[in-house]
PDB file of N, CA and C in Angstrom:
ATOM      1  N   MET A   1      -8.489   8.649  16.926  1.00  0.00           N
ATOM      2  CA  MET A   1      -9.371   7.578  16.503  1.00  0.00           C
ATOM      3  C   MET A   1      -9.065   7.226  15.043  1.00  0.00           C
ATOM      4  N   PRO A   2      -8.843   5.943  14.760  1.00  0.00           N
ATOM      5  CA  PRO A   2      -8.549   5.540  13.381  1.00  0.00           C
ATOM      6  C   PRO A   2      -9.737   5.785  12.451  1.00  0.00           C
ATOM      7  N   SER A   3      -9.426   6.003  11.180  1.00  0.00           N
ATOM      8  CA  SER A   3     -10.466   6.223  10.190  1.00  0.00           C
ATOM      9  C   SER A   3     -11.312   4.967  10.009  1.00  0.00           C
ATOM     10  N   GLU A   4     -12.607   5.129   9.780  1.00  0.00           N
ATOM     11  CA  GLU A   4     -13.491   3.998   9.500  1.00  0.00           C
ATOM     12  C   GLU A   4     -13.785   3.883   8.018  1.00  0.00           C
ATOM     13  N   LEU A   5     -13.281   4.853   7.216  1.00  0.00           N
ATOM     14  CA  LEU A   5     -13.452   4.828   5.766  1.00  0.00           C
ATOM     15  C   LEU A   5     -12.091   4.981   5.102  1.00  0.00           C
ATOM     16  N   CYS A   6     -11.907   4.304   3.982  1.00  0.00           N
ATOM     17  CA  CYS A   6     -10.703   4.499   3.185  1.00  0.00           C
ATOM     18  C   CYS A   6     -10.686   5.945   2.709  1.00  0.00           C
ATOM     19  N   GLN A   7      -9.573   6.638   2.867  1.00  0.00           N
ATOM     20  CA  GLN A   7      -9.493   8.047   2.498  1.00  0.00           C
ATOM     21  C   GLN A   7      -9.367   8.242   0.989  1.00  0.00           C
ATOM     22  N   SER A   8      -9.214   7.162   0.237  1.00  0.00           N
ATOM     23  CA  SER A   8      -9.160   7.274  -1.216  1.00  0.00           C
ATOM     24  C   SER A   8     -10.503   6.927  -1.848  1.00  0.00           C
ATOM     25  N   CYS A   9     -11.016   5.712  -1.598  1.00  0.00           N
ATOM     26  CA  CYS A   9     -12.258   5.271  -2.244  1.00  0.00           C
ATOM     27  C   CYS A   9     -13.472   5.399  -1.335  1.00  0.00           C
ATOM     28  N   ARG A  10     -13.259   5.761  -0.065  1.00  0.00           N
ATOM     29  CA  ARG A  10     -14.332   5.956   0.924  1.00  0.00           C
ATOM     30  C   ARG A  10     -15.044   4.664   1.305  1.00  0.00           C
ATOM     31  N   ARG A  11     -14.457   3.506   1.011  1.00  0.00           N
ATOM     32  CA  ARG A  11     -15.038   2.208   1.375  1.00  0.00           C
ATOM     33  C   ARG A  11     -14.899   1.990   2.878  1.00  0.00           C
ATOM     34  N   PRO A  12     -15.933   1.454   3.546  1.00  0.00           N
ATOM     35  CA  PRO A  12     -15.831   1.193   4.986  1.00  0.00           C
ATOM     36  C   PRO A  12     -14.953  -0.023   5.261  1.00  0.00           C
ATOM     37  N   GLN A  13     -14.538  -0.152   6.509  1.00  0.00           N
ATOM     38  CA  GLN A  13     -13.746  -1.308   6.910  1.00  0.00           C
ATOM     39  C   GLN A  13     -14.547  -2.591   6.714  1.00  0.00           C
ATOM     40  N   SER A  14     -13.883  -3.627   6.232  1.00  0.00           N
ATOM     41  CA  SER A  14     -14.472  -4.953   6.095  1.00  0.00           C
ATOM     42  C   SER A  14     -13.322  -5.950   6.035  1.00  0.00           C
ATOM     43  N   PRO A  15     -13.577  -7.231   6.295  1.00  0.00           N
ATOM     44  CA  PRO A  15     -12.484  -8.217   6.220  1.00  0.00           C
ATOM     45  C   PRO A  15     -11.771  -8.208   4.862  1.00  0.00           C
ATOM     46  N   GLU A  16     -12.532  -8.025   3.776  1.00  0.00           N
ATOM     47  CA  GLU A  16     -11.923  -8.008   2.446  1.00  0.00           C
ATOM     48  C   GLU A  16     -11.055  -6.776   2.254  1.00  0.00           C
ATOM     49  N   ALA A  17     -11.444  -5.667   2.858  1.00  0.00           N
ATOM     50  CA  ALA A  17     -10.703  -4.414   2.700  1.00  0.00           C
ATOM     51  C   ALA A  17      -9.389  -4.422   3.466  1.00  0.00           C
ATOM     52  N   LEU A  18      -9.203  -5.401   4.333  1.00  0.00           N
ATOM     53  CA  LEU A  18      -8.022  -5.438   5.192  1.00  0.00           C
ATOM     54  C   LEU A  18      -7.057  -6.551   4.833  1.00  0.00           C
ATOM     55  N   ALA A  19      -7.271  -7.230   3.712  1.00  0.00           N
ATOM     56  CA  ALA A  19      -6.386  -8.308   3.266  1.00  0.00           C
ATOM     57  C   ALA A  19      -5.490  -7.780   2.158  1.00  0.00           C
ATOM     58  N   TYR A  20      -4.324  -7.285   2.543  1.00  0.00           N
ATOM     59  CA  TYR A  20      -3.375  -6.708   1.601  1.00  0.00           C
ATOM     60  C   TYR A  20      -2.581  -7.816   0.929  1.00  0.00           C
ATOM     61  N   ARG A  21      -2.146  -7.577  -0.293  1.00  0.00           N
ATOM     62  CA  ARG A  21      -1.401  -8.595  -1.037  1.00  0.00           C
ATOM     63  C   ARG A  21       0.079  -8.251  -1.103  1.00  0.00           C
ATOM     64  N   LYS A  22       0.899  -9.274  -0.909  1.00  0.00           N
ATOM     65  CA  LYS A  22       2.339  -9.156  -1.114  1.00  0.00           C
ATOM     66  C   LYS A  22       2.738 -10.339  -1.971  1.00  0.00           C
ATOM     67  N   GLY A  23       2.913 -10.115  -3.267  1.00  0.00           N
ATOM     68  CA  GLY A  23       3.147 -11.215  -4.195  1.00  0.00           C
ATOM     69  C   GLY A  23       1.936 -12.122  -4.198  1.00  0.00           C
ATOM     70  N   GLU A  24       2.155 -13.404  -3.983  1.00  0.00           N
ATOM     71  CA  GLU A  24       1.044 -14.364  -3.917  1.00  0.00           C
ATOM     72  C   GLU A  24       0.458 -14.467  -2.515  1.00  0.00           C
ATOM     73  N   ALA A  25       1.148 -13.941  -1.522  1.00  0.00           N
ATOM     74  CA  ALA A  25       0.694 -14.043  -0.134  1.00  0.00           C
ATOM     75  C   ALA A  25      -0.295 -12.933   0.196  1.00  0.00           C
ATOM     76  N   ARG A  26      -1.143 -13.198   1.177  1.00  0.00           N
ATOM     77  CA  ARG A  26      -2.073 -12.189   1.675  1.00  0.00           C
ATOM     78  C   ARG A  26      -1.665 -11.827   3.097  1.00  0.00           C
ATOM     79  N   VAL A  27      -1.640 -10.545   3.394  1.00  0.00           N
ATOM     80  CA  VAL A  27      -1.266 -10.043   4.709  1.00  0.00           C
ATOM     81  C   VAL A  27      -2.487  -9.350   5.293  1.00  0.00           C
ATOM     82  N   SER A  28      -2.992  -9.828   6.425  1.00  0.00           N
ATOM     83  CA  SER A  28      -4.203  -9.258   7.024  1.00  0.00           C
ATOM     84  C   SER A  28      -3.850  -8.305   8.152  1.00  0.00           C
ATOM     85  N   HIS A  29      -4.664  -7.272   8.309  1.00  0.00           N
ATOM     86  CA  HIS A  29      -4.498  -6.290   9.371  1.00  0.00           C
ATOM     87  C   HIS A  29      -5.863  -5.989   9.973  1.00  0.00           C
ATOM     88  N   ALA A  30      -5.864  -5.502  11.204  1.00  0.00           N
ATOM     89  CA  ALA A  30      -7.121  -5.244  11.908  1.00  0.00           C
ATOM     90  C   ALA A  30      -7.707  -3.879  11.599  1.00  0.00           C
ATOM     91  N   SER A  31      -7.023  -3.065  10.831  1.00  0.00           N
ATOM     92  CA  SER A  31      -7.544  -1.744  10.466  1.00  0.00           C
ATOM     93  C   SER A  31      -6.885  -1.288   9.173  1.00  0.00           C
ATOM     94  N   PHE A  32      -7.369  -0.184   8.625  1.00  0.00           N
ATOM     95  CA  PHE A  32      -6.728   0.370   7.439  1.00  0.00           C
ATOM     96  C   PHE A  32      -5.289   0.745   7.776  1.00  0.00           C
ATOM     97  N   LEU A  33      -4.448   0.809   6.744  1.00  0.00           N
ATOM     98  CA  LEU A  33      -3.047   1.174   6.930  1.00  0.00           C
ATOM     99  C   LEU A  33      -2.738   2.475   6.222  1.00  0.00           C
ATOM    100  N   GLN A  34      -1.656   3.120   6.643  1.00  0.00           N
ATOM    101  CA  GLN A  34      -1.247   4.381   6.034  1.00  0.00           C
ATOM    102  C   GLN A  34      -0.256   4.154   4.912  1.00  0.00           C
ATOM    103  N   CYS A  35      -0.382   4.962   3.871  1.00  0.00           N
ATOM    104  CA  CYS A  35       0.649   5.030   2.845  1.00  0.00           C
ATOM    105  C   CYS A  35       1.900   5.595   3.514  1.00  0.00           C
ATOM    106  N   ASP A  36       3.048   4.964   3.299  1.00  0.00           N
ATOM    107  CA  ASP A  36       4.282   5.412   3.936  1.00  0.00           C
ATOM    108  C   ASP A  36       4.786   6.740   3.377  1.00  0.00           C
ATOM    109  N   VAL A  37       4.218   7.228   2.281  1.00  0.00           N
ATOM    110  CA  VAL A  37       4.640   8.500   1.703  1.00  0.00           C
ATOM    111  C   VAL A  37       3.637   9.606   2.029  1.00  0.00           C
ATOM    112  N   CYS A  38       2.374   9.454   1.601  1.00  0.00           N
ATOM    113  CA  CYS A  38       1.388  10.530   1.802  1.00  0.00           C
ATOM    114  C   CYS A  38       0.636  10.392   3.126  1.00  0.00           C
ATOM    115  N   GLU A  39       0.753   9.225   3.781  1.00  0.00           N
ATOM    116  CA  GLU A  39       0.163   8.950   5.092  1.00  0.00           C
ATOM    117  C   GLU A  39      -1.358   8.949   5.112  1.00  0.00           C
ATOM    118  N   ARG A  40      -1.993   8.839   3.931  1.00  0.00           N
ATOM    119  CA  ARG A  40      -3.443   8.641   3.922  1.00  0.00           C
ATOM    120  C   ARG A  40      -3.748   7.228   4.407  1.00  0.00           C
ATOM    121  N   VAL A  41      -4.898   7.037   5.033  1.00  0.00           N
ATOM    122  CA  VAL A  41      -5.335   5.738   5.538  1.00  0.00           C
ATOM    123  C   VAL A  41      -6.170   5.081   4.453  1.00  0.00           C
ATOM    124  N   LEU A  42      -5.731   3.914   3.975  1.00  0.00           N
ATOM    125  CA  LEU A  42      -6.319   3.310   2.790  1.00  0.00           C
ATOM    126  C   LEU A  42      -6.628   1.829   2.978  1.00  0.00           C
ATOM    127  N   CYS A  43      -7.551   1.328   2.131  1.00  0.00           N
ATOM    128  CA  CYS A  43      -7.903  -0.087   2.102  1.00  0.00           C
ATOM    129  C   CYS A  43      -6.939  -0.838   1.176  1.00  0.00           C
ATOM    130  N   SER A  44      -7.097  -2.141   1.092  1.00  0.00           N
ATOM    131  CA  SER A  44      -6.178  -2.961   0.306  1.00  0.00           C
ATOM    132  C   SER A  44      -6.276  -2.703  -1.194  1.00  0.00           C
ATOM    133  N   ASP A  45      -7.440  -2.258  -1.686  1.00  0.00           N
ATOM    134  CA  ASP A  45      -7.548  -1.945  -3.108  1.00  0.00           C
ATOM    135  C   ASP A  45      -6.762  -0.696  -3.469  1.00  0.00           C
ATOM    136  N   CYS A  46      -6.626   0.229  -2.531  1.00  0.00           N
ATOM    137  CA  CYS A  46      -5.942   1.501  -2.789  1.00  0.00           C
ATOM    138  C   CYS A  46      -4.507   1.518  -2.269  1.00  0.00           C
ATOM    139  N   LEU A  47      -4.158   0.561  -1.413  1.00  0.00           N
ATOM    140  CA  LEU A  47      -2.835   0.507  -0.792  1.00  0.00           C
ATOM    141  C   LEU A  47      -2.247  -0.872  -1.015  1.00  0.00           C
ATOM    142  N   GLN A  48      -0.997  -0.928  -1.412  1.00  0.00           N
ATOM    143  CA  GLN A  48      -0.323  -2.200  -1.670  1.00  0.00           C
ATOM    144  C   GLN A  48       0.997  -2.257  -0.913  1.00  0.00           C
ATOM    145  N   ILE A  49       1.551  -3.450  -0.788  1.00  0.00           N
ATOM    146  CA  ILE A  49       2.864  -3.632  -0.183  1.00  0.00           C
ATOM    147  C   ILE A  49       3.884  -3.642  -1.310  1.00  0.00           C
ATOM    148  N   TYR A  50       4.877  -2.776  -1.222  1.00  0.00           N
ATOM    149  CA  TYR A  50       5.921  -2.689  -2.230  1.00  0.00           C
ATOM    150  C   TYR A  50       7.268  -3.011  -1.602  1.00  0.00           C
ATOM    151  N   ASP A  51       8.181  -3.561  -2.385  1.00  0.00           N
ATOM    152  CA  ASP A  51       9.562  -3.754  -1.954  1.00  0.00           C
ATOM    153  C   ASP A  51      10.326  -2.492  -2.327  1.00  0.00           C
ATOM    154  N   ILE A  52      10.629  -1.671  -1.355  1.00  0.00           N
ATOM    155  CA  ILE A  52      11.392  -0.448  -1.633  1.00  0.00           C
ATOM    156  C   ILE A  52      12.722  -0.546  -0.901  1.00  0.00           C
ATOM    157  N   LEU A  53      12.738  -0.255   0.362  1.00  0.00           N
ATOM    158  CA  LEU A  53      13.958  -0.386   1.150  1.00  0.00           C
ATOM    159  C   LEU A  53      13.807  -1.474   2.202  1.00  0.00           C
ATOM    160  N   SER A  54      12.684  -1.475   2.920  1.00  0.00           N
ATOM    161  CA  SER A  54      12.510  -2.450   3.994  1.00  0.00           C
ATOM    162  C   SER A  54      11.905  -3.753   3.506  1.00  0.00           C
ATOM    163  N   GLY A  55      11.261  -3.743   2.323  1.00  0.00           N
ATOM    164  CA  GLY A  55      10.575  -4.926   1.834  1.00  0.00           C
ATOM    165  C   GLY A  55       9.132  -5.006   2.285  1.00  0.00           C
ATOM    166  N   ASP A  56       8.726  -4.140   3.186  1.00  0.00           N
ATOM    167  CA  ASP A  56       7.350  -4.118   3.678  1.00  0.00           C
ATOM    168  C   ASP A  56       6.811  -2.697   3.699  1.00  0.00           C
ATOM    169  N   ASP A  57       6.953  -2.003   2.598  1.00  0.00           N
ATOM    170  CA  ASP A  57       6.501  -0.622   2.515  1.00  0.00           C
ATOM    171  C   ASP A  57       5.091  -0.581   1.943  1.00  0.00           C
ATOM    172  N   PHE A  58       4.205   0.132   2.606  1.00  0.00           N
ATOM    173  CA  PHE A  58       2.827   0.288   2.143  1.00  0.00           C
ATOM    174  C   PHE A  58       2.717   1.603   1.401  1.00  0.00           C
ATOM    175  N   LEU A  59       2.320   1.535   0.124  1.00  0.00           N
ATOM    176  CA  LEU A  59       2.214   2.726  -0.700  1.00  0.00           C
ATOM    177  C   LEU A  59       0.934   2.705  -1.506  1.00  0.00           C
ATOM    178  N   CYS A  60       0.347   3.890  -1.700  1.00  0.00           N
ATOM    179  CA  CYS A  60      -0.747   3.976  -2.647  1.00  0.00           C
ATOM    180  C   CYS A  60      -0.143   4.013  -4.054  1.00  0.00           C
ATOM    181  N   SER A  61      -0.917   3.688  -5.055  1.00  0.00           N
ATOM    182  CA  SER A  61      -0.385   3.607  -6.414  1.00  0.00           C
ATOM    183  C   SER A  61       0.115   4.962  -6.898  1.00  0.00           C
ATOM    184  N   ALA A  62      -0.502   6.060  -6.453  1.00  0.00           N
ATOM    185  CA  ALA A  62      -0.060   7.396  -6.868  1.00  0.00           C
ATOM    186  C   ALA A  62       1.345   7.691  -6.348  1.00  0.00           C
ATOM    187  N   CYS A  63       1.615   7.367  -5.103  1.00  0.00           N
ATOM    188  CA  CYS A  63       2.947   7.603  -4.545  1.00  0.00           C
ATOM    189  C   CYS A  63       3.973   6.646  -5.145  1.00  0.00           C
ATOM    190  N   ALA A  64       3.594   5.394  -5.360  1.00  0.00           N
ATOM    191  CA  ALA A  64       4.520   4.426  -5.945  1.00  0.00           C
ATOM    192  C   ALA A  64       4.925   4.833  -7.351  1.00  0.00           C
ATOM    193  N   ALA A  65       3.991   5.424  -8.107  1.00  0.00           N
ATOM    194  CA  ALA A  65       4.288   5.832  -9.478  1.00  0.00           C
ATOM    195  C   ALA A  65       5.299   6.979  -9.521  1.00  0.00           C
ATOM    196  N   GLN A  66       5.420   7.736  -8.438  1.00  0.00           N
ATOM    197  CA  GLN A  66       6.348   8.854  -8.402  1.00  0.00           C
ATOM    198  C   GLN A  66       7.767   8.445  -8.041  1.00  0.00           C
ATOM    199  N   LEU A  67       7.948   7.220  -7.540  1.00  0.00           N
ATOM    200  CA  LEU A  67       9.278   6.757  -7.160  1.00  0.00           C
ATOM    201  C   LEU A  67      10.013   6.214  -8.377  1.00  0.00           C
ATOM    202  N   PRO A  68      11.327   6.387  -8.417  1.00  0.00           N
ATOM    203  CA  PRO A  68      12.084   5.819  -9.548  1.00  0.00           C
ATOM    204  C   PRO A  68      12.090   4.302  -9.462  1.00  0.00           C
ATOM    205  N   SER A  69      11.979   3.632 -10.597  1.00  0.00           N
ATOM    206  CA  SER A  69      12.031   2.163 -10.606  1.00  0.00           C
ATOM    207  C   SER A  69      13.467   1.711 -10.757  1.00  0.00           C
ATOM    208  N   SER A  70      13.728   0.445 -10.477  1.00  0.00           N
ATOM    209  CA  SER A  70      15.078  -0.093 -10.589  1.00  0.00           C
ATOM    210  C   SER A  70      15.563  -0.072 -12.034  1.00  0.00           C
ATOM    211  N   ALA A  71      14.639  -0.038 -13.001  1.00  0.00           N
ATOM    212  CA  ALA A  71      15.024  -0.016 -14.408  1.00  0.00           C
ATOM    213  C   ALA A  71      15.586   1.338 -14.827  1.00  0.00           C
ATOM    214  N   SER A  72      15.292   2.385 -14.083  1.00  0.00           N
ATOM    215  CA  SER A  72      15.745   3.716 -14.473  1.00  0.00           C
ATOM    216  C   SER A  72      17.039   4.124 -13.780  1.00  0.00           C
ATOM    217  N   GLY A  73      17.729   3.183 -13.176  1.00  0.00           N
ATOM    218  CA  GLY A  73      19.002   3.495 -12.545  1.00  0.00           C
ATOM    219  C   GLY A  73      18.935   3.292 -11.045  1.00  0.00           C
ATOM    220  N   PRO A  74      19.925   3.873 -10.330  1.00  0.00           N
ATOM    221  CA  PRO A  74      19.957   3.679  -8.879  1.00  0.00           C
ATOM    222  C   PRO A  74      18.773   4.345  -8.193  1.00  0.00           C
ATOM    223  N   GLY A  75      18.405   3.809  -7.069  1.00  0.00           N
ATOM    224  CA  GLY A  75      17.274   4.337  -6.308  1.00  0.00           C
ATOM    225  C   GLY A  75      16.471   3.193  -5.728  1.00  0.00           C
ATOM    226  N   PRO A  76      15.396   3.493  -5.068  1.00  0.00           N
ATOM    227  CA  PRO A  76      14.570   2.438  -4.457  1.00  0.00           C
ATOM    228  C   PRO A  76      14.014   1.495  -5.518  1.00  0.00           C
ATOM    229  N   ARG A  77      13.899   0.242  -5.155  1.00  0.00           N
ATOM    230  CA  ARG A  77      13.291  -0.752  -6.040  1.00  0.00           C
ATOM    231  C   ARG A  77      11.792  -0.778  -5.758  1.00  0.00           C
ATOM    232  N   VAL A  78      11.006  -0.542  -6.768  1.00  0.00           N
ATOM    233  CA  VAL A  78       9.553  -0.543  -6.618  1.00  0.00           C
ATOM    234  C   VAL A  78       9.010  -1.713  -7.400  1.00  0.00           C
ATOM    235  N   ARG A  79       8.298  -2.613  -6.706  1.00  0.00           N
ATOM    236  CA  ARG A  79       7.723  -3.771  -7.361  1.00  0.00           C
ATOM    237  C   ARG A  79       6.282  -3.910  -6.940  1.00  0.00           C
ATOM    238  N   PRO A  80       5.324  -3.644  -7.847  1.00  0.00           N
ATOM    239  CA  PRO A  80       3.928  -3.858  -7.478  1.00  0.00           C
ATOM    240  C   PRO A  80       3.696  -5.335  -7.192  1.00  0.00           C
ATOM    241  N   PRO A  81       2.906  -5.658  -6.148  1.00  0.00           N
ATOM    242  CA  PRO A  81       2.738  -7.053  -5.746  1.00  0.00           C
ATOM    243  C   PRO A  81       1.772  -7.850  -6.605  1.00  0.00           C
ATOM    244  N   ARG A  82       0.987  -7.223  -7.445  1.00  0.00           N
ATOM    245  CA  ARG A  82       0.000  -7.973  -8.216  1.00  0.00           C
ATOM    246  C   ARG A  82       0.505  -8.307  -9.586  1.00  0.00           C
TER     247      ARG A  82
END
């Protein structure tokens, strides 16, 4: 059974909590999504879409901060969408 609360901020599901941002675009989903690294189920405030390898990677800010940025040499490209 999917989580009904964000595992980071404990916010319940709502239409606003499910509208993730990718650049200027908004991407809607019918439920919370998992961070592709830590696999916690999170809302849009705690989970963002990053361009890493596939271009559609969902990461929490804590996991994204641990990845090397393109400015520090070779490795995944991390770009916060906001």
